[in-house]
Amino acid sequence: MSLENYGLKALLPLIRQEDQSSEYDSSMTLGIDLSPVLHSLGIHPNSVYRRKVLDTFQSPWVETSRSEVEPRFFTPDSFKNIPNVLQAGDQPPSFNSVQQDHAKIALFQDETLFYLFYKHPGTVAQELTYLELRKRNWRYHKTLKVWLTKDPMMEPIVAQDGASERGSYVFFDPQRWEKCQRDFVLFYNAIM
C-alpha cells in the first residue's frame, strides 16, 4: 500500500461514500450518532438527562482539544453554607514588623526559604528570605537564576586574575526542586 491510502485524498471518497466495496468501515470515518443508543435506553430526545449523558462523552482527542479552556465544575451544596472565616472586622494576615518576621524566617529550612523566594517575587518576604539565605552562605546566580553554595568538603581554586574560581558547588534546581552537586567555574560578578 502506498502512503496515499492514508492521506486526505483517501478520506474524501470515504466521507462521500463513493466506494462501497472499500475495506474500511465508513462509520468510523464519519462518526456514530449516539441518539439511537439513548433511544434504546428509553431516554426521551428532549429530556435534561439526555443532555447530561451526551455532555459526558468526550472526544478521543480531548487532551489536545482547545474547545474548552476551562473545565466544567460545580460547587457542592455543603460548601455553599460554610460561614466566612474572617469576620467583618478582622484583617487578613500581614507583615507586622521586619524584625519579627525576620526572626520567624530564620527558623525555616532551606527548601522553605527557596519556596518563599520564588513564590513571592518583589515582596518583603522575598527580601527577607534573600537575606537569610545569604547568611547561610547561599549565593544567587544572576545569569542562571538559581541559588548555589560551595561544597563544604572541597575548597575551590581561585583563578590567577581573581575574578573567578573553579570548584564543586551545590545548586538548588527550582525546576526539579532538589539540590544537585556539580563542578563549576564561578565568576564573582555573576552572583549576588
N, C-alpha and C. Protein backbone atom coordinates (compact mmCIF):
# COMPACT_ATOMS: atom_id res chain seq x y z
N MET A 1 0.84 -1.19 0.00
CA MET A 1 0.00 0.00 0.00
C MET A 1 0.88 1.24 0.00
N SER A 2 0.42 2.25 -0.68
CA SER A 2 1.16 3.50 -0.72
C SER A 2 0.65 4.43 0.37
N LEU A 3 1.40 5.50 0.58
CA LEU A 3 1.02 6.47 1.60
C LEU A 3 -0.25 7.23 1.22
N GLU A 4 -0.62 7.24 -0.07
CA GLU A 4 -1.82 7.94 -0.50
C GLU A 4 -3.09 7.33 0.10
N ASN A 5 -3.04 6.06 0.51
CA ASN A 5 -4.20 5.42 1.11
C ASN A 5 -4.53 5.98 2.49
N TYR A 6 -3.59 6.72 3.09
CA TYR A 6 -3.79 7.21 4.44
C TYR A 6 -3.89 8.73 4.52
N GLY A 7 -3.90 9.42 3.41
CA GLY A 7 -3.94 10.87 3.41
C GLY A 7 -5.36 11.40 3.27
N LEU A 8 -5.45 12.72 3.07
CA LEU A 8 -6.75 13.36 2.92
C LEU A 8 -7.44 12.94 1.62
N LYS A 9 -6.65 12.65 0.57
CA LYS A 9 -7.25 12.22 -0.69
C LYS A 9 -7.99 10.90 -0.53
N ALA A 10 -7.49 10.02 0.32
CA ALA A 10 -8.15 8.74 0.55
C ALA A 10 -9.37 8.91 1.45
N LEU A 11 -9.41 9.94 2.28
CA LEU A 11 -10.51 10.15 3.21
C LEU A 11 -11.75 10.72 2.50
N LEU A 12 -11.54 11.53 1.50
CA LEU A 12 -12.65 12.18 0.81
C LEU A 12 -13.64 11.18 0.19
N PRO A 13 -13.21 10.13 -0.55
CA PRO A 13 -14.19 9.16 -1.07
C PRO A 13 -14.94 8.42 0.04
N LEU A 14 -14.29 8.23 1.20
CA LEU A 14 -14.97 7.56 2.31
C LEU A 14 -16.08 8.44 2.88
N ILE A 15 -15.81 9.73 2.99
CA ILE A 15 -16.83 10.64 3.51
C ILE A 15 -18.01 10.72 2.55
N ARG A 16 -17.73 10.77 1.26
CA ARG A 16 -18.79 10.84 0.25
C ARG A 16 -19.46 9.49 0.04
N GLN A 17 -18.89 8.46 0.59
CA GLN A 17 -19.37 7.07 0.47
C GLN A 17 -19.46 6.65 -1.00
N GLU A 18 -18.42 7.04 -1.76
CA GLU A 18 -18.37 6.70 -3.19
C GLU A 18 -18.03 5.23 -3.41
N ASP A 19 -17.13 4.72 -2.58
CA ASP A 19 -16.65 3.35 -2.80
C ASP A 19 -17.25 2.43 -1.74
N GLN A 20 -18.32 1.73 -2.08
CA GLN A 20 -18.99 0.84 -1.13
C GLN A 20 -18.21 -0.47 -0.93
N SER A 21 -17.30 -0.79 -1.84
CA SER A 21 -16.55 -2.04 -1.73
C SER A 21 -15.27 -1.86 -0.91
N SER A 22 -15.12 -0.71 -0.30
CA SER A 22 -13.89 -0.43 0.44
C SER A 22 -13.79 -1.33 1.66
N GLU A 23 -12.56 -1.65 2.00
CA GLU A 23 -12.33 -2.49 3.19
C GLU A 23 -12.46 -1.69 4.48
N TYR A 24 -12.56 -0.36 4.37
CA TYR A 24 -12.67 0.49 5.56
C TYR A 24 -14.13 0.67 5.92
N ASP A 25 -14.39 0.77 7.19
CA ASP A 25 -15.74 0.99 7.68
C ASP A 25 -16.00 2.49 7.70
N SER A 26 -16.96 2.95 6.90
CA SER A 26 -17.20 4.39 6.81
C SER A 26 -17.78 4.97 8.10
N SER A 27 -18.41 4.15 8.94
CA SER A 27 -18.96 4.68 10.18
C SER A 27 -17.85 5.16 11.11
N MET A 28 -16.68 4.56 10.99
CA MET A 28 -15.56 5.01 11.81
C MET A 28 -15.04 6.35 11.31
N THR A 29 -15.15 6.60 10.02
CA THR A 29 -14.69 7.85 9.45
C THR A 29 -15.65 8.99 9.76
N LEU A 30 -16.94 8.70 9.61
CA LEU A 30 -17.94 9.74 9.79
C LEU A 30 -18.36 9.94 11.23
N GLY A 31 -18.12 8.99 12.07
CA GLY A 31 -18.56 9.07 13.45
C GLY A 31 -19.88 8.37 13.63
N ILE A 32 -20.31 8.21 14.84
CA ILE A 32 -21.55 7.49 15.13
C ILE A 32 -22.46 8.40 15.94
N ASP A 33 -23.70 8.47 15.54
CA ASP A 33 -24.70 9.26 16.25
C ASP A 33 -25.15 8.47 17.48
N LEU A 34 -25.11 9.10 18.64
CA LEU A 34 -25.48 8.41 19.88
C LEU A 34 -26.98 8.44 20.15
N SER A 35 -27.75 9.15 19.34
CA SER A 35 -29.19 9.24 19.57
C SER A 35 -29.88 7.88 19.60
N PRO A 36 -29.60 6.97 18.64
CA PRO A 36 -30.26 5.65 18.72
C PRO A 36 -29.91 4.87 19.98
N VAL A 37 -28.69 5.04 20.45
CA VAL A 37 -28.28 4.35 21.68
C VAL A 37 -29.10 4.85 22.86
N LEU A 38 -29.27 6.17 22.96
CA LEU A 38 -30.05 6.74 24.05
C LEU A 38 -31.52 6.38 23.92
N HIS A 39 -32.01 6.33 22.68
CA HIS A 39 -33.41 5.95 22.46
C HIS A 39 -33.65 4.51 22.91
N SER A 40 -32.70 3.63 22.63
CA SER A 40 -32.85 2.24 23.06
C SER A 40 -32.81 2.10 24.58
N LEU A 41 -32.21 3.07 25.26
CA LEU A 41 -32.19 3.05 26.73
C LEU A 41 -33.45 3.68 27.32
N GLY A 42 -34.34 4.19 26.46
CA GLY A 42 -35.59 4.77 26.94
C GLY A 42 -35.46 6.21 27.37
N ILE A 43 -34.45 6.90 26.88
CA ILE A 43 -34.25 8.30 27.24
C ILE A 43 -34.90 9.16 26.17
N HIS A 44 -35.82 10.02 26.58
CA HIS A 44 -36.57 10.87 25.66
C HIS A 44 -35.64 11.89 25.01
N PRO A 45 -35.84 12.20 23.70
CA PRO A 45 -34.93 13.11 22.99
C PRO A 45 -34.82 14.51 23.59
N ASN A 46 -35.85 15.01 24.25
CA ASN A 46 -35.80 16.37 24.79
C ASN A 46 -35.54 16.41 26.30
N SER A 47 -35.20 15.29 26.89
CA SER A 47 -35.04 15.27 28.35
C SER A 47 -33.71 15.91 28.77
N VAL A 48 -33.71 16.42 30.00
CA VAL A 48 -32.50 17.02 30.58
C VAL A 48 -31.44 15.95 30.78
N TYR A 49 -31.88 14.75 31.14
CA TYR A 49 -30.94 13.65 31.38
C TYR A 49 -30.16 13.32 30.11
N ARG A 50 -30.83 13.42 28.97
CA ARG A 50 -30.18 13.13 27.69
C ARG A 50 -29.02 14.10 27.46
N ARG A 51 -29.24 15.39 27.74
CA ARG A 51 -28.16 16.37 27.57
C ARG A 51 -27.01 16.10 28.53
N LYS A 52 -27.33 15.66 29.75
CA LYS A 52 -26.28 15.35 30.72
C LYS A 52 -25.46 14.15 30.27
N VAL A 53 -26.13 13.15 29.71
CA VAL A 53 -25.42 11.96 29.22
C VAL A 53 -24.53 12.33 28.05
N LEU A 54 -25.05 13.09 27.10
CA LEU A 54 -24.25 13.46 25.93
C LEU A 54 -23.07 14.35 26.31
N ASP A 55 -23.22 15.16 27.35
CA ASP A 55 -22.11 16.01 27.78
C ASP A 55 -20.96 15.21 28.37
N THR A 56 -21.22 13.98 28.83
CA THR A 56 -20.15 13.19 29.44
C THR A 56 -19.29 12.49 28.41
N PHE A 57 -19.76 12.36 27.15
CA PHE A 57 -18.96 11.72 26.11
C PHE A 57 -17.91 12.70 25.63
N GLN A 58 -16.67 12.24 25.58
CA GLN A 58 -15.59 13.12 25.17
C GLN A 58 -14.95 12.61 23.89
N SER A 59 -14.24 13.49 23.27
CA SER A 59 -13.53 13.16 22.04
C SER A 59 -12.31 12.31 22.37
N PRO A 60 -11.86 11.46 21.43
CA PRO A 60 -10.61 10.73 21.67
C PRO A 60 -9.41 11.67 21.72
N TRP A 61 -9.59 12.88 21.21
CA TRP A 61 -8.50 13.85 21.21
C TRP A 61 -8.72 14.92 22.27
N VAL A 62 -9.32 14.54 23.39
CA VAL A 62 -9.70 15.51 24.41
C VAL A 62 -8.49 16.25 24.99
N GLU A 63 -7.32 15.59 25.08
CA GLU A 63 -6.14 16.27 25.65
C GLU A 63 -5.67 17.40 24.76
N THR A 64 -5.85 17.27 23.44
CA THR A 64 -5.38 18.30 22.53
C THR A 64 -6.48 19.25 22.11
N SER A 65 -7.70 19.00 22.54
CA SER A 65 -8.81 19.86 22.14
C SER A 65 -8.73 21.19 22.88
N ARG A 66 -8.92 22.26 22.16
CA ARG A 66 -8.88 23.59 22.76
C ARG A 66 -10.27 24.20 22.83
N SER A 67 -11.32 23.38 22.59
CA SER A 67 -12.67 23.94 22.59
C SER A 67 -13.10 24.34 23.99
N GLU A 68 -12.63 23.65 25.01
CA GLU A 68 -12.95 24.01 26.39
C GLU A 68 -11.67 24.39 27.09
N VAL A 69 -11.48 25.67 27.33
CA VAL A 69 -10.29 26.12 28.02
C VAL A 69 -10.43 25.87 29.51
N GLU A 70 -11.60 26.08 30.03
CA GLU A 70 -11.84 25.90 31.45
C GLU A 70 -12.74 24.69 31.66
N PRO A 71 -12.35 23.75 32.53
CA PRO A 71 -13.18 22.57 32.73
C PRO A 71 -14.50 22.92 33.42
N ARG A 72 -15.50 22.10 33.17
CA ARG A 72 -16.79 22.30 33.84
C ARG A 72 -16.68 21.82 35.28
N PHE A 73 -17.23 22.59 36.20
CA PHE A 73 -17.22 22.19 37.59
C PHE A 73 -18.43 22.79 38.28
N PHE A 74 -18.70 22.31 39.46
CA PHE A 74 -19.79 22.85 40.24
C PHE A 74 -19.35 22.88 41.70
N THR A 75 -19.98 23.75 42.46
CA THR A 75 -19.70 23.86 43.88
C THR A 75 -20.72 23.03 44.65
N PRO A 76 -20.27 22.05 45.44
CA PRO A 76 -21.22 21.24 46.20
C PRO A 76 -22.00 22.10 47.19
N ASP A 77 -23.24 21.70 47.46
CA ASP A 77 -24.09 22.45 48.39
C ASP A 77 -23.47 22.55 49.78
N SER A 78 -22.72 21.51 50.18
CA SER A 78 -22.11 21.53 51.52
C SER A 78 -21.08 22.65 51.65
N PHE A 79 -20.49 23.08 50.54
CA PHE A 79 -19.52 24.17 50.60
C PHE A 79 -20.18 25.53 50.58
N LYS A 80 -21.39 25.62 50.10
CA LYS A 80 -22.06 26.91 49.98
C LYS A 80 -22.51 27.46 51.33
N ASN A 81 -22.63 26.62 52.33
CA ASN A 81 -23.15 27.04 53.63
C ASN A 81 -22.06 27.26 54.67
N ILE A 82 -20.79 27.27 54.25
CA ILE A 82 -19.70 27.48 55.21
C ILE A 82 -19.64 28.96 55.56
N PRO A 83 -19.64 29.31 56.86
CA PRO A 83 -19.54 30.73 57.23
C PRO A 83 -18.14 31.26 56.92
N ASN A 84 -18.05 32.55 56.70
CA ASN A 84 -16.76 33.17 56.43
C ASN A 84 -15.83 33.03 57.62
N VAL A 85 -14.57 32.68 57.36
CA VAL A 85 -13.59 32.54 58.43
C VAL A 85 -13.23 33.91 58.99
N LEU A 86 -13.05 34.87 58.09
CA LEU A 86 -12.77 36.23 58.55
C LEU A 86 -14.07 36.96 58.80
N GLN A 87 -14.24 37.48 59.98
CA GLN A 87 -15.42 38.26 60.30
C GLN A 87 -15.26 39.67 59.70
N ALA A 88 -16.27 40.46 59.78
CA ALA A 88 -16.27 41.77 59.13
C ALA A 88 -15.14 42.67 59.63
N GLY A 89 -14.78 42.61 60.90
CA GLY A 89 -13.75 43.49 61.46
C GLY A 89 -12.35 42.93 61.39
N ASP A 90 -12.21 41.66 61.06
CA ASP A 90 -10.88 41.03 61.04
C ASP A 90 -10.07 41.51 59.84
N GLN A 91 -8.77 41.56 60.03
CA GLN A 91 -7.85 41.91 58.97
C GLN A 91 -7.16 40.65 58.47
N PRO A 92 -6.87 40.54 57.18
CA PRO A 92 -6.12 39.39 56.70
C PRO A 92 -4.71 39.40 57.24
N PRO A 93 -4.05 38.24 57.31
CA PRO A 93 -2.68 38.20 57.85
C PRO A 93 -1.76 39.10 57.03
N SER A 94 -0.85 39.77 57.73
CA SER A 94 0.10 40.65 57.05
C SER A 94 1.39 40.72 57.85
N PHE A 95 2.41 41.35 57.28
CA PHE A 95 3.66 41.55 57.98
C PHE A 95 3.47 42.61 59.06
N ASN A 96 3.92 42.29 60.27
CA ASN A 96 3.77 43.25 61.36
C ASN A 96 4.99 44.14 61.46
N SER A 97 6.15 43.53 61.53
CA SER A 97 7.39 44.30 61.56
C SER A 97 8.48 43.44 60.95
N VAL A 98 9.44 44.10 60.34
CA VAL A 98 10.51 43.37 59.66
C VAL A 98 11.33 42.55 60.65
N GLN A 99 11.57 43.08 61.85
CA GLN A 99 12.37 42.36 62.84
C GLN A 99 11.68 41.07 63.28
N GLN A 100 10.39 41.13 63.56
CA GLN A 100 9.66 39.93 63.97
C GLN A 100 9.60 38.92 62.84
N ASP A 101 9.32 39.39 61.64
CA ASP A 101 9.22 38.48 60.51
C ASP A 101 10.56 37.86 60.15
N HIS A 102 11.63 38.63 60.29
CA HIS A 102 12.96 38.09 60.00
C HIS A 102 13.32 37.00 61.01
N ALA A 103 12.91 37.17 62.25
CA ALA A 103 13.16 36.15 63.27
C ALA A 103 12.39 34.86 62.95
N LYS A 104 11.17 35.00 62.44
CA LYS A 104 10.37 33.83 62.06
C LYS A 104 10.99 33.12 60.87
N ILE A 105 11.43 33.89 59.88
CA ILE A 105 12.00 33.31 58.66
C ILE A 105 13.30 32.59 58.97
N ALA A 106 14.04 33.04 59.95
CA ALA A 106 15.30 32.39 60.31
C ALA A 106 15.10 30.96 60.80
N LEU A 107 13.88 30.60 61.22
CA LEU A 107 13.59 29.26 61.71
C LEU A 107 13.31 28.25 60.59
N PHE A 108 13.07 28.74 59.36
CA PHE A 108 12.70 27.86 58.26
C PHE A 108 13.90 27.08 57.72
N GLN A 109 13.61 25.92 57.13
CA GLN A 109 14.64 25.15 56.43
C GLN A 109 14.92 25.80 55.09
N ASP A 110 16.02 25.39 54.46
CA ASP A 110 16.42 25.98 53.19
C ASP A 110 15.33 25.84 52.12
N GLU A 111 14.73 24.66 52.01
CA GLU A 111 13.73 24.44 50.98
C GLU A 111 12.53 25.38 51.14
N THR A 112 12.15 25.65 52.36
CA THR A 112 11.05 26.58 52.62
C THR A 112 11.45 28.00 52.21
N LEU A 113 12.68 28.36 52.48
CA LEU A 113 13.16 29.68 52.07
C LEU A 113 13.19 29.80 50.55
N PHE A 114 13.60 28.75 49.86
CA PHE A 114 13.58 28.79 48.39
C PHE A 114 12.15 28.96 47.89
N TYR A 115 11.23 28.26 48.52
CA TYR A 115 9.82 28.39 48.13
C TYR A 115 9.36 29.84 48.29
N LEU A 116 9.64 30.44 49.43
CA LEU A 116 9.23 31.82 49.66
C LEU A 116 9.90 32.77 48.67
N PHE A 117 11.17 32.52 48.36
CA PHE A 117 11.88 33.39 47.44
C PHE A 117 11.26 33.35 46.05
N TYR A 118 10.99 32.15 45.53
CA TYR A 118 10.46 32.04 44.17
C TYR A 118 8.96 32.32 44.10
N LYS A 119 8.24 32.10 45.18
CA LYS A 119 6.78 32.27 45.17
C LYS A 119 6.35 33.73 45.33
N HIS A 120 7.15 34.55 45.99
CA HIS A 120 6.75 35.93 46.30
C HIS A 120 7.75 36.94 45.74
N PRO A 121 7.85 37.03 44.41
CA PRO A 121 8.82 37.98 43.84
C PRO A 121 8.42 39.43 44.11
N GLY A 122 9.43 40.24 44.42
CA GLY A 122 9.20 41.66 44.61
C GLY A 122 8.51 42.04 45.91
N THR A 123 8.50 41.13 46.89
CA THR A 123 7.83 41.42 48.16
C THR A 123 8.85 41.48 49.29
N VAL A 124 8.36 41.88 50.46
CA VAL A 124 9.21 41.91 51.65
C VAL A 124 9.64 40.48 52.01
N ALA A 125 8.75 39.51 51.80
CA ALA A 125 9.09 38.11 52.11
C ALA A 125 10.26 37.65 51.26
N GLN A 126 10.31 38.03 50.00
CA GLN A 126 11.44 37.64 49.15
C GLN A 126 12.73 38.29 49.63
N GLU A 127 12.67 39.52 50.01
CA GLU A 127 13.86 40.22 50.51
C GLU A 127 14.37 39.59 51.80
N LEU A 128 13.45 39.26 52.70
CA LEU A 128 13.87 38.63 53.96
C LEU A 128 14.46 37.24 53.73
N THR A 129 13.88 36.48 52.83
CA THR A 129 14.44 35.14 52.54
C THR A 129 15.78 35.27 51.84
N TYR A 130 15.94 36.28 51.01
CA TYR A 130 17.24 36.52 50.36
C TYR A 130 18.31 36.77 51.42
N LEU A 131 17.99 37.62 52.38
CA LEU A 131 18.96 37.93 53.44
C LEU A 131 19.30 36.69 54.28
N GLU A 132 18.29 35.87 54.57
CA GLU A 132 18.53 34.67 55.37
C GLU A 132 19.36 33.65 54.60
N LEU A 133 19.08 33.48 53.32
CA LEU A 133 19.87 32.55 52.52
C LEU A 133 21.32 33.03 52.39
N ARG A 134 21.53 34.32 52.29
CA ARG A 134 22.89 34.87 52.25
C ARG A 134 23.63 34.56 53.56
N LYS A 135 22.91 34.66 54.68
CA LYS A 135 23.53 34.33 55.98
C LYS A 135 23.98 32.88 56.02
N ARG A 136 23.25 32.01 55.31
CA ARG A 136 23.56 30.58 55.29
C ARG A 136 24.53 30.22 54.16
N ASN A 137 25.22 31.22 53.61
CA ASN A 137 26.24 31.07 52.56
C ASN A 137 25.70 30.63 51.21
N TRP A 138 24.44 30.85 50.95
CA TRP A 138 23.89 30.63 49.61
C TRP A 138 24.06 31.92 48.83
N ARG A 139 24.37 31.81 47.53
CA ARG A 139 24.51 32.96 46.66
C ARG A 139 23.59 32.77 45.46
N TYR A 140 23.00 33.87 45.00
CA TYR A 140 22.10 33.81 43.86
C TYR A 140 22.88 34.13 42.59
N HIS A 141 22.81 33.23 41.61
CA HIS A 141 23.49 33.43 40.33
C HIS A 141 22.54 34.20 39.41
N LYS A 142 22.94 35.39 39.01
CA LYS A 142 22.07 36.28 38.24
C LYS A 142 21.77 35.75 36.84
N THR A 143 22.72 35.10 36.22
CA THR A 143 22.52 34.60 34.86
C THR A 143 21.71 33.32 34.85
N LEU A 144 22.08 32.35 35.70
CA LEU A 144 21.39 31.07 35.75
C LEU A 144 20.07 31.15 36.52
N LYS A 145 19.93 32.19 37.35
CA LYS A 145 18.73 32.40 38.18
C LYS A 145 18.47 31.22 39.12
N VAL A 146 19.54 30.76 39.75
CA VAL A 146 19.47 29.68 40.75
C VAL A 146 20.36 30.05 41.93
N TRP A 147 20.10 29.38 43.02
CA TRP A 147 20.93 29.54 44.21
C TRP A 147 22.03 28.49 44.20
N LEU A 148 23.21 28.87 44.73
CA LEU A 148 24.31 27.93 44.83
C LEU A 148 25.14 28.22 46.08
N THR A 149 25.84 27.20 46.53
CA THR A 149 26.73 27.35 47.67
C THR A 149 27.93 26.44 47.45
N LYS A 150 29.03 26.76 48.11
CA LYS A 150 30.23 25.93 47.97
C LYS A 150 30.01 24.59 48.66
N ASP A 151 30.59 23.57 48.06
CA ASP A 151 30.59 22.26 48.70
C ASP A 151 31.50 22.35 49.93
N PRO A 152 31.01 22.05 51.13
CA PRO A 152 31.84 22.21 52.33
C PRO A 152 33.03 21.26 52.38
N MET A 153 33.03 20.19 51.59
CA MET A 153 34.12 19.21 51.62
C MET A 153 35.27 19.58 50.69
N MET A 154 35.06 20.52 49.78
CA MET A 154 36.10 20.85 48.81
C MET A 154 36.31 22.35 48.76
N GLU A 155 37.54 22.76 48.76
CA GLU A 155 37.86 24.18 48.66
C GLU A 155 38.10 24.52 47.20
N PRO A 156 37.42 25.57 46.66
CA PRO A 156 37.61 25.91 45.25
C PRO A 156 38.99 26.53 44.98
N ILE A 157 39.41 26.45 43.72
CA ILE A 157 40.69 27.01 43.29
C ILE A 157 40.41 28.36 42.64
N VAL A 158 41.00 29.41 43.19
CA VAL A 158 40.78 30.77 42.68
C VAL A 158 41.67 30.98 41.47
N ALA A 159 41.12 31.60 40.43
CA ALA A 159 41.87 31.89 39.20
C ALA A 159 42.93 32.95 39.48
N GLN A 160 43.95 33.00 38.62
CA GLN A 160 45.05 33.95 38.82
C GLN A 160 44.59 35.40 38.74
N ASP A 161 43.60 35.67 37.89
CA ASP A 161 43.12 37.05 37.78
C ASP A 161 42.23 37.46 38.95
N GLY A 162 41.81 36.51 39.78
CA GLY A 162 40.99 36.79 40.95
C GLY A 162 39.53 37.08 40.64
N ALA A 163 39.09 36.86 39.40
CA ALA A 163 37.72 37.16 39.01
C ALA A 163 36.81 35.94 39.06
N SER A 164 37.41 34.76 39.25
CA SER A 164 36.59 33.54 39.25
C SER A 164 37.26 32.46 40.09
N GLU A 165 36.51 31.39 40.30
CA GLU A 165 37.06 30.23 40.99
C GLU A 165 36.41 28.97 40.42
N ARG A 166 37.14 27.88 40.48
CA ARG A 166 36.66 26.59 39.98
C ARG A 166 36.58 25.65 41.18
N GLY A 167 35.39 25.00 41.29
CA GLY A 167 35.23 24.08 42.40
C GLY A 167 33.93 23.32 42.31
N SER A 168 33.62 22.62 43.38
CA SER A 168 32.40 21.85 43.46
C SER A 168 31.36 22.68 44.21
N TYR A 169 30.17 22.81 43.61
CA TYR A 169 29.12 23.63 44.19
C TYR A 169 27.84 22.84 44.30
N VAL A 170 27.02 23.21 45.27
CA VAL A 170 25.69 22.64 45.42
C VAL A 170 24.71 23.68 44.88
N PHE A 171 23.91 23.27 43.88
CA PHE A 171 22.92 24.14 43.26
C PHE A 171 21.54 23.72 43.73
N PHE A 172 20.67 24.70 43.91
CA PHE A 172 19.26 24.38 44.13
C PHE A 172 18.55 24.57 42.81
N ASP A 173 18.01 23.47 42.26
CA ASP A 173 17.32 23.50 40.98
C ASP A 173 15.83 23.74 41.23
N PRO A 174 15.30 24.93 40.89
CA PRO A 174 13.88 25.20 41.14
C PRO A 174 12.93 24.42 40.23
N GLN A 175 13.42 23.92 39.09
CA GLN A 175 12.57 23.14 38.20
C GLN A 175 12.29 21.75 38.76
N ARG A 176 13.33 21.09 39.27
CA ARG A 176 13.16 19.75 39.85
C ARG A 176 13.00 19.80 41.37
N TRP A 177 13.18 20.95 41.93
CA TRP A 177 13.04 21.22 43.38
C TRP A 177 13.93 20.27 44.19
N GLU A 178 15.22 20.32 43.84
CA GLU A 178 16.19 19.49 44.56
C GLU A 178 17.57 20.13 44.50
N LYS A 179 18.40 19.70 45.42
CA LYS A 179 19.79 20.16 45.42
C LYS A 179 20.62 19.18 44.61
N CYS A 180 21.50 19.72 43.76
CA CYS A 180 22.38 18.87 42.97
C CYS A 180 23.78 19.45 43.02
N GLN A 181 24.76 18.58 42.98
CA GLN A 181 26.16 18.99 43.10
C GLN A 181 26.84 18.82 41.75
N ARG A 182 27.68 19.82 41.39
CA ARG A 182 28.45 19.72 40.15
C ARG A 182 29.65 20.63 40.20
N ASP A 183 30.65 20.30 39.36
CA ASP A 183 31.83 21.16 39.22
C ASP A 183 31.45 22.34 38.36
N PHE A 184 31.99 23.51 38.72
CA PHE A 184 31.52 24.73 38.08
C PHE A 184 32.61 25.80 38.18
N VAL A 185 32.70 26.64 37.15
CA VAL A 185 33.57 27.82 37.19
C VAL A 185 32.66 29.00 37.53
N LEU A 186 32.90 29.58 38.68
CA LEU A 186 32.06 30.65 39.19
C LEU A 186 32.76 31.99 39.00
N PHE A 187 32.13 32.89 38.24
CA PHE A 187 32.63 34.24 38.09
C PHE A 187 31.95 35.11 39.16
N TYR A 188 32.75 35.80 39.93
CA TYR A 188 32.24 36.54 41.08
C TYR A 188 31.22 37.61 40.69
N ASN A 189 31.36 38.20 39.50
CA ASN A 189 30.43 39.26 39.11
C ASN A 189 29.05 38.71 38.71
N ALA A 190 28.90 37.37 38.65
CA ALA A 190 27.62 36.77 38.28
C ALA A 190 26.75 36.42 39.48
N ILE A 191 27.27 36.63 40.69
CA ILE A 191 26.48 36.28 41.88
C ILE A 191 26.14 37.51 42.68
N MET A 192 25.06 37.37 43.45
CA MET A 192 24.61 38.46 44.34
C MET A 192 24.78 37.99 45.78
